């Protein structure tokens, strides 16, 4: 969702890539709630940092504690920042209805949007 927001809101200021520690596939709930907000992430894919290839990053932003704890060693000169968000699949697993599950994703979607709106200025 962070990559989708970054592309939708900040494409003139930054180039966003999304990668995780491991691949899990594109989450259909994330696709649905982003579509509700007017952002199509259906063309994105679940990938690792290695899958991205040789890209020189200015910044790496981790958005979950597992990624922060497991983030590989980054090249010298690459700055890192951590912005924790709840894990929507974990939240959704604790509720009893589909609508409640989607609400978990919606809340985190909106929190991520608020963070992305502060970029890149908040990274300095």
Protein backbone atom coordinates (compact mmCIF):
# COMPACT_ATOMS: atom_id res chain seq x y z
CA UNK A 1 0.00 0.00 0.00
CA UNK A 2 2.89 2.35 0.72
CA UNK A 3 4.27 1.95 -2.79
CA UNK A 4 0.82 2.62 -4.24
CA UNK A 5 0.38 5.78 -2.20
CA UNK A 6 3.89 6.97 -3.02
CA UNK A 7 3.28 6.51 -6.73
CA UNK A 8 -0.15 8.14 -6.57
CA UNK A 9 0.77 11.09 -4.36
CA UNK A 10 4.49 11.71 -4.82
CA UNK A 11 5.54 10.41 -8.24
CA UNK A 12 6.97 13.80 -9.20
CA UNK A 13 9.16 13.89 -6.07
CA UNK A 14 10.30 10.32 -5.58
CA UNK A 15 10.56 6.90 -7.17
CA UNK A 16 9.08 4.21 -4.95
CA UNK A 17 9.81 0.51 -4.85
CA UNK A 18 8.32 -2.02 -2.51
CA UNK A 19 10.04 -5.14 -1.26
CA UNK A 20 9.67 -7.42 1.69
CA UNK A 21 11.77 -9.90 3.59
CA UNK A 22 9.85 -12.69 1.85
CA UNK A 23 7.17 -12.87 -0.82
CA UNK A 24 3.55 -13.60 0.04
CA UNK A 25 1.69 -12.60 -3.10
CA UNK A 26 -0.44 -9.52 -3.60
CA UNK A 27 -3.07 -9.35 -0.88
CA UNK A 28 -6.60 -9.07 -2.34
CA UNK A 29 -7.86 -7.09 0.65
CA UNK A 30 -5.09 -4.52 0.15
CA UNK A 31 -5.96 -4.28 -3.55
CA UNK A 32 -9.64 -3.78 -2.71
CA UNK A 33 -9.20 -1.05 -0.11
CA UNK A 34 -6.67 0.82 -2.23
CA UNK A 35 -9.08 0.67 -5.18
CA UNK A 36 -11.76 2.14 -2.89
CA UNK A 37 -9.37 5.05 -2.30
CA UNK A 38 -8.77 5.49 -6.03
CA UNK A 39 -5.34 3.82 -6.24
CA UNK A 40 -4.85 0.73 -8.40
CA UNK A 41 -2.12 -1.51 -6.98
CA UNK A 42 -3.22 -4.63 -8.88
CA UNK A 43 -0.12 -4.40 -11.10
CA UNK A 44 2.28 -4.44 -8.17
CA UNK A 45 3.85 -7.68 -7.02
CA UNK A 46 5.22 -9.17 -3.86
CA UNK A 47 9.00 -9.23 -4.13
CA UNK A 48 12.19 -9.17 -2.10
CA UNK A 49 14.96 -6.60 -2.16
CA UNK A 50 17.04 -9.04 -4.22
CA UNK A 51 14.24 -9.18 -6.80
CA UNK A 52 14.58 -5.44 -7.41
CA UNK A 53 18.09 -5.80 -8.74
CA UNK A 54 20.93 -3.30 -8.53
CA UNK A 55 19.20 -0.09 -7.52
CA UNK A 56 20.99 2.61 -5.56
CA UNK A 57 18.55 3.77 -2.92
CA UNK A 58 18.76 7.13 -1.17
CA UNK A 59 16.36 5.92 1.52
CA UNK A 60 14.95 2.63 2.71
CA UNK A 61 11.77 3.00 4.72
CA UNK A 62 10.63 -0.02 6.71
CA UNK A 63 6.96 -0.06 7.60
CA UNK A 64 6.68 -3.12 9.83
CA UNK A 65 8.70 -4.29 12.80
CA UNK A 66 9.59 -7.62 11.17
CA UNK A 67 11.16 -5.80 8.22
CA UNK A 68 13.06 -3.44 10.50
CA UNK A 69 14.44 -6.33 12.53
CA UNK A 70 15.29 -8.43 9.46
CA UNK A 71 16.34 -5.75 6.98
CA UNK A 72 19.49 -6.79 5.16
CA UNK A 73 22.66 -4.76 5.41
CA UNK A 74 22.25 -1.69 3.24
CA UNK A 75 25.00 -0.09 1.17
CA UNK A 76 26.98 2.79 2.63
CA UNK A 77 25.26 6.10 1.98
CA UNK A 78 21.75 4.64 2.06
CA UNK A 79 19.71 6.17 4.85
CA UNK A 80 17.09 4.12 6.66
CA UNK A 81 14.03 5.11 8.63
CA UNK A 82 11.40 3.01 10.33
CA UNK A 83 7.73 3.95 10.40
CA UNK A 84 5.73 1.22 12.12
CA UNK A 85 2.24 0.33 10.97
CA UNK A 86 0.05 -2.47 12.22
CA UNK A 87 0.05 -5.57 10.01
CA UNK A 88 -3.39 -5.69 8.36
CA UNK A 89 -3.42 -9.48 7.79
CA UNK A 90 -2.63 -10.05 11.46
CA UNK A 91 -5.37 -7.63 12.51
CA UNK A 92 -7.87 -9.17 10.09
CA UNK A 93 -7.20 -12.66 11.45
CA UNK A 94 -8.59 -11.55 14.81
CA UNK A 95 -12.01 -10.40 13.57
CA UNK A 96 -15.13 -12.35 12.67
CA UNK A 97 -16.50 -10.75 9.50
CA UNK A 98 -15.24 -9.78 6.08
CA UNK A 99 -16.29 -6.16 6.65
CA UNK A 100 -14.34 -6.01 9.91
CA UNK A 101 -11.32 -7.46 8.10
CA UNK A 102 -11.59 -4.79 5.41
CA UNK A 103 -11.88 -2.12 8.10
CA UNK A 104 -8.49 -3.25 9.46
CA UNK A 105 -6.98 -2.71 6.03
CA UNK A 106 -8.77 0.62 5.60
CA UNK A 107 -7.41 1.98 8.86
CA UNK A 108 -3.83 1.03 8.01
CA UNK A 109 -4.29 2.27 4.43
CA UNK A 110 -5.29 5.68 5.74
CA UNK A 111 -2.40 5.78 8.23
CA UNK A 112 0.06 4.95 5.46
CA UNK A 113 -1.41 7.69 3.27
CA UNK A 114 -0.90 10.23 6.06
CA UNK A 115 2.74 9.17 6.37
CA UNK A 116 3.39 9.23 2.61
CA UNK A 117 1.91 12.72 2.38
CA UNK A 118 4.81 13.91 4.58
CA UNK A 119 7.47 12.55 2.22
CA UNK A 120 10.17 13.35 1.33
CA UNK A 121 10.37 16.27 3.76
CA UNK A 122 9.90 14.10 6.86
CA UNK A 123 12.92 12.00 5.91
CA UNK A 124 15.40 14.83 6.42
